[in-house]
Amino acid sequence: MTETTLETSAAREPAVDGPADGAVPAPEDLAALVDVLLAEAGPGADRAELTGAARAAFAAERPRPLADAWWLAVPGEGYLAAFEALGLHDRIPVTVRGGEAAQGDDTKRVGGEAVHRVFVTPEYAGWRLLFAESPLGSCAWWPTTVVETLSAACGRAQLFYEDPHADAMIWIVAEGGSVVRSYWRASEPEWEGEPLPWEEVRTVDDFEDEEEYEDAYPEPNASEAQDIHLAAHHLSVNPGGIGPDTPVRGHGWLALTRAGAGHQGFGAPLTL
């Protein structure tokens, strides 16, 4: 099955506010998922039974909070360009539960090369979120480079990254291939671009004197908007804030960082 046929169920059906049936993939897309489930299930697995179970799993999906340590965001309109931009291949539809589980064991080796599973969520409030546990978590996908690449392909893109163990906090906004605003804790400089309208910016009048102000704001374009969840809430979607009232459209996808590597052979099999 070609990359283009796998997109037939990605048409932009109306977004749904609140509880509603999840988006069931088109038959040919569902068949690609069932092929993987059959291969992993082994002898005796029944295609019709797995197809029915997959349909039921997609139909039962409801918007709910997702992991919020590191992720990318692109507009729902035009998100398909992200697959080529990031070198993602062989996508199959996946439930949110299945996509999240795949991120818990996202790497295998093929011919000495690391192959990763990347989860692209349904569209939430106009945005698709991309979870790539190992490439993003390890910064193998360098934050600035990946968000600029995505924004060149999709028009806009954002990256959010927090690692409390390393005291790392990063959020980046890019448009048309260039960063327009970012915060990167402990980098030099920490801030790039001018404050966005939603950011709280304090002035010298908020401090006892100019020296205290300069100690608190050593960079003239700094603001109080350091937290990635606050930034995501204003810029696109905060995964941890997704819930029953979040408008949702379409279903998720699971893709690989190497063409032809196969969805089998990861430590954890694909789940519904």
Protein backbone atom coordinates (compact mmCIF):
# COMPACT_ATOMS: atom_id res chain seq x y z
CA MET A 1 0.00 0.00 0.00
CA THR A 2 1.41 3.36 -0.98
CA GLU A 3 1.90 6.41 1.19
CA THR A 4 -0.84 8.26 -0.68
CA THR A 5 -3.51 5.60 -0.19
CA LEU A 6 -2.82 5.63 3.53
CA GLU A 7 -4.12 9.19 3.68
CA THR A 8 -7.66 8.55 2.50
CA SER A 9 -9.06 8.63 6.02
CA ALA A 10 -7.23 11.85 6.85
CA ALA A 11 -9.81 14.05 5.16
CA ARG A 12 -10.75 17.02 7.31
CA GLU A 13 -14.10 15.94 8.66
CA PRO A 14 -15.74 18.49 10.97
CA ALA A 15 -14.15 18.77 14.41
CA VAL A 16 -16.30 17.47 17.24
CA ASP A 17 -16.75 19.30 20.53
CA GLY A 18 -17.10 17.07 23.56
CA PRO A 19 -18.05 13.37 23.69
CA ALA A 20 -18.53 11.75 20.30
CA ASP A 21 -17.60 8.61 18.45
CA GLY A 22 -13.92 8.42 17.59
CA ALA A 23 -12.81 8.54 13.96
CA VAL A 24 -12.64 5.06 12.45
CA PRO A 25 -10.00 4.81 9.68
CA ALA A 26 -11.00 4.12 6.09
CA PRO A 27 -11.12 0.40 5.19
CA GLU A 28 -7.79 0.34 3.36
CA ASP A 29 -6.03 2.12 6.22
CA LEU A 30 -7.61 -0.16 8.79
CA ALA A 31 -6.45 -3.15 6.74
CA ALA A 32 -2.84 -1.91 6.95
CA LEU A 33 -3.13 -1.79 10.75
CA VAL A 34 -4.71 -5.24 10.90
CA ASP A 35 -1.86 -6.63 8.78
CA VAL A 36 0.53 -5.58 11.56
CA LEU A 37 -1.73 -6.94 14.31
CA LEU A 38 -2.03 -10.28 12.48
CA ALA A 39 1.72 -10.59 12.05
CA GLU A 40 2.27 -9.96 15.75
CA ALA A 41 -0.60 -12.13 16.94
CA GLY A 42 0.79 -15.30 15.35
CA PRO A 43 -0.98 -18.47 14.17
CA GLY A 44 -4.69 -18.70 14.79
CA ALA A 45 -5.38 -14.98 14.73
CA ASP A 46 -8.56 -14.08 12.89
CA ARG A 47 -8.59 -11.07 10.54
CA ALA A 48 -12.29 -10.40 10.91
CA GLU A 49 -12.05 -10.51 14.69
CA LEU A 50 -9.06 -8.14 14.78
CA THR A 51 -10.74 -5.79 12.32
CA GLY A 52 -13.83 -5.62 14.52
CA ALA A 53 -11.73 -5.02 17.61
CA ALA A 54 -9.82 -2.22 15.87
CA ARG A 55 -13.01 -0.54 14.67
CA ALA A 56 -14.43 -0.67 18.19
CA ALA A 57 -11.23 0.74 19.71
CA PHE A 58 -11.17 3.74 17.37
CA ALA A 59 -14.89 4.38 17.81
CA ALA A 60 -14.53 4.38 21.60
CA GLU A 61 -11.81 7.02 21.71
CA ARG A 62 -12.44 10.25 23.59
CA PRO A 63 -10.09 13.22 24.06
CA ARG A 64 -8.11 12.95 27.30
CA PRO A 65 -4.84 14.25 28.76
CA LEU A 66 -1.61 13.08 27.12
CA ALA A 67 2.01 12.96 28.24
CA ASP A 68 3.57 16.42 28.33
CA ALA A 69 7.33 16.14 28.64
CA TRP A 70 8.44 16.76 25.05
CA TRP A 71 6.52 17.05 21.81
CA LEU A 72 6.08 18.96 18.55
CA ALA A 73 2.97 20.73 17.28
CA VAL A 74 1.91 21.59 13.73
CA PRO A 75 -1.36 22.98 12.35
CA GLY A 76 -3.92 20.32 11.52
CA GLU A 77 -4.36 21.82 8.09
CA GLY A 78 -1.30 20.75 6.16
CA TYR A 79 0.13 18.40 8.81
CA LEU A 80 0.72 15.70 6.19
CA ALA A 81 3.83 17.59 5.05
CA ALA A 82 5.41 16.71 8.40
CA PHE A 83 5.88 13.08 7.37
CA GLU A 84 8.18 13.91 4.48
CA ALA A 85 9.89 16.75 6.36
CA LEU A 86 10.88 14.44 9.23
CA GLY A 87 11.64 11.42 7.06
CA LEU A 88 8.73 9.38 8.40
CA HIS A 89 7.52 6.35 6.44
CA ASP A 90 5.03 3.48 6.30
CA ARG A 91 2.39 5.16 8.44
CA ILE A 92 -0.56 3.20 9.73
CA PRO A 93 -3.56 4.40 11.75
CA VAL A 94 -3.27 3.98 15.48
CA THR A 95 -5.43 4.67 18.50
CA VAL A 96 -4.17 7.19 21.03
CA ARG A 97 -3.68 4.36 23.49
CA GLY A 98 -1.67 2.42 20.92
CA GLY A 99 0.38 5.46 19.96
CA GLU A 100 1.22 6.22 23.57
CA ALA A 101 2.19 2.61 24.25
CA ALA A 102 4.45 2.61 21.19
CA GLN A 103 6.35 5.57 22.64
CA GLY A 104 7.16 3.50 25.70
CA ASP A 105 9.24 1.20 23.48
CA ASP A 106 9.97 3.22 20.38
CA THR A 107 13.31 1.90 19.14
CA LYS A 108 14.67 -1.17 17.38
CA ARG A 109 17.79 -1.76 15.32
CA VAL A 110 17.79 -2.77 11.67
CA GLY A 111 21.13 -3.37 10.02
CA GLY A 112 22.87 -1.53 12.83
CA GLU A 113 20.65 1.54 12.42
CA ALA A 114 18.23 2.76 15.09
CA VAL A 115 14.63 2.86 13.85
CA HIS A 116 12.06 4.81 15.86
CA ARG A 117 8.27 4.83 16.03
CA VAL A 118 6.73 8.32 15.92
CA PHE A 119 3.16 8.97 17.05
CA VAL A 120 1.10 11.70 15.37
CA THR A 121 -2.06 12.42 17.35
CA PRO A 122 -5.56 13.17 16.13
CA GLU A 123 -6.15 16.86 15.56
CA TYR A 124 -6.90 18.64 18.83
CA ALA A 125 -8.30 22.19 18.64
CA GLY A 126 -6.71 22.64 15.23
CA TRP A 127 -3.29 21.13 16.02
CA ARG A 128 -1.59 17.77 15.51
CA LEU A 129 0.96 16.80 18.17
CA LEU A 130 3.97 14.65 17.33
CA PHE A 131 5.56 12.44 19.97
CA ALA A 132 9.01 11.03 19.22
CA GLU A 133 10.27 9.78 22.56
CA SER A 134 13.87 8.93 21.72
CA PRO A 135 14.70 11.41 18.91
CA LEU A 136 13.30 14.36 20.88
CA GLY A 137 14.23 13.17 24.36
CA SER A 138 17.86 12.65 23.41
CA CYS A 139 17.95 15.79 21.21
CA ALA A 140 19.03 13.65 18.27
CA TRP A 141 16.39 15.79 16.60
CA TRP A 142 18.02 19.06 17.58
CA PRO A 143 15.25 21.37 18.86
CA THR A 144 15.93 24.41 16.70
CA THR A 145 16.66 22.40 13.57
CA VAL A 146 13.60 20.15 13.78
CA VAL A 147 11.14 22.97 14.46
CA GLU A 148 12.55 25.10 11.65
CA THR A 149 12.36 22.14 9.27
CA LEU A 150 8.77 21.44 10.25
CA SER A 151 7.70 25.06 9.95
CA ALA A 152 9.21 25.27 6.46
CA ALA A 153 7.02 22.33 5.44
CA CYS A 154 3.86 23.04 7.45
CA GLY A 155 3.92 26.84 7.67
CA ARG A 156 4.11 26.89 11.46
CA ALA A 157 5.60 24.56 14.06
CA GLN A 158 6.35 24.51 17.75
CA LEU A 159 8.53 22.46 20.07
CA PHE A 160 8.12 21.97 23.80
CA TYR A 161 10.65 20.21 26.01
CA GLU A 162 10.98 19.79 29.76
CA ASP A 163 13.37 17.56 31.68
CA PRO A 164 13.23 18.37 35.40
CA HIS A 165 16.16 16.05 36.12
CA ALA A 166 18.39 18.16 33.88
CA ASP A 167 16.64 21.44 34.76
CA ALA A 168 15.85 21.83 31.06
CA MET A 169 12.98 23.96 29.77
CA ILE A 170 12.59 24.84 26.08
CA TRP A 171 9.80 26.17 23.93
CA ILE A 172 10.27 27.32 20.36
CA VAL A 173 7.91 28.90 17.84
CA ALA A 174 8.87 28.90 14.16
CA GLU A 175 7.14 30.14 11.03
CA GLY A 176 8.15 29.61 7.43
CA GLY A 177 11.43 27.96 8.35
CA SER A 178 12.67 30.48 10.94
CA VAL A 179 12.40 30.81 14.71
CA VAL A 180 10.28 33.81 15.70
CA ARG A 181 10.26 33.35 19.48
CA SER A 182 11.88 30.93 21.89
CA TYR A 183 12.92 30.32 25.46
CA TRP A 184 15.79 27.96 26.28
CA ARG A 185 16.74 27.86 29.93
CA ALA A 186 20.47 28.30 30.68
CA SER A 187 21.40 28.95 27.05
CA GLU A 188 23.06 32.16 25.93
CA PRO A 189 20.90 34.00 25.26
CA GLU A 190 17.88 32.34 26.88
CA TRP A 191 15.38 34.34 24.82
CA GLU A 192 15.08 34.88 21.09
CA GLY A 193 12.59 37.14 19.33
CA GLU A 194 10.21 39.67 20.79
CA PRO A 195 7.57 38.82 23.43
CA LEU A 196 4.29 37.57 22.02
CA PRO A 197 1.02 39.34 22.93
CA TRP A 198 0.04 36.76 25.57
CA GLU A 199 3.33 36.91 27.44
CA GLU A 200 3.52 38.77 30.74
CA VAL A 201 6.35 41.28 30.57
CA ARG A 202 7.37 43.21 33.67
CA THR A 203 8.91 46.66 33.46
CA VAL A 204 11.32 48.57 35.64
CA ASP A 205 8.30 50.12 37.38
CA ASP A 206 7.53 46.70 38.88
CA PHE A 207 10.82 46.70 40.81
CA GLU A 208 12.39 48.70 43.59
CA ASP A 209 15.03 50.15 41.30
CA GLU A 210 16.67 49.67 37.92
CA GLU A 211 19.42 47.45 39.32
CA GLU A 212 16.88 44.98 40.72
CA TYR A 213 15.07 45.01 37.38
CA GLU A 214 18.25 44.26 35.44
CA ASP A 215 19.08 41.40 37.81
CA ALA A 216 15.67 39.86 37.19
CA TYR A 217 15.61 40.66 33.47
CA PRO A 218 19.18 40.46 32.20
CA GLU A 219 17.85 40.13 28.65
CA PRO A 220 15.64 42.98 27.36
CA ASN A 221 13.28 40.62 25.49
CA ALA A 222 12.64 38.31 28.46
CA SER A 223 9.21 37.63 29.95
CA GLU A 224 7.53 35.59 32.67
CA ALA A 225 6.48 32.90 30.16
CA GLN A 226 9.09 30.27 30.89
CA ASP A 227 6.81 27.30 31.55
CA ILE A 228 6.21 25.04 28.52
CA HIS A 229 2.66 24.20 29.54
CA LEU A 230 1.70 27.85 29.78
CA ALA A 231 3.31 28.48 26.41
CA ALA A 232 1.58 25.49 24.81
CA HIS A 233 -1.78 26.61 26.20
CA HIS A 234 -1.44 29.99 24.47
CA LEU A 235 0.31 28.84 21.31
CA SER A 236 -1.48 25.60 20.37
CA VAL A 237 -2.52 22.75 22.69
CA ASN A 238 -1.22 21.70 26.08
CA PRO A 239 -1.33 17.86 25.99
CA GLY A 240 -1.96 17.65 29.72
CA GLY A 241 -4.99 19.92 29.32
CA ILE A 242 -6.77 17.88 26.64
CA GLY A 243 -10.17 16.72 27.86
CA PRO A 244 -13.82 16.11 27.01
CA ASP A 245 -14.35 19.68 25.80
CA THR A 246 -11.37 19.69 23.41
CA PRO A 247 -12.44 19.74 19.74
CA VAL A 248 -11.06 16.64 18.02
CA ARG A 249 -10.77 15.58 14.40
CA GLY A 250 -9.47 12.43 12.73
CA HIS A 251 -7.36 9.64 14.20
CA GLY A 252 -3.71 9.15 15.03
CA TRP A 253 -0.91 7.72 12.92
CA LEU A 254 2.19 5.70 13.72
CA ALA A 255 5.16 6.09 11.39
CA LEU A 256 8.75 4.86 11.19
CA THR A 257 12.00 6.74 10.74
CA ARG A 258 13.18 4.21 8.13
CA ALA A 259 11.21 3.02 5.12
CA GLY A 260 10.55 -0.69 4.95
CA ALA A 261 11.79 -1.38 8.47
CA GLY A 262 8.44 -2.90 9.44
CA HIS A 263 6.22 -2.24 12.42
CA GLN A 264 7.09 -5.60 13.96
CA GLY A 265 10.14 -6.36 16.09
CA PHE A 266 9.88 -3.63 18.71
CA GLY A 267 10.10 -4.72 22.33
CA ALA A 268 6.39 -4.06 22.86
CA PRO A 269 3.90 -5.15 20.18
CA LEU A 270 1.41 -2.69 18.76
CA THR A 271 -1.75 -2.44 20.83
CA LEU A 272 -5.25 -1.11 20.34
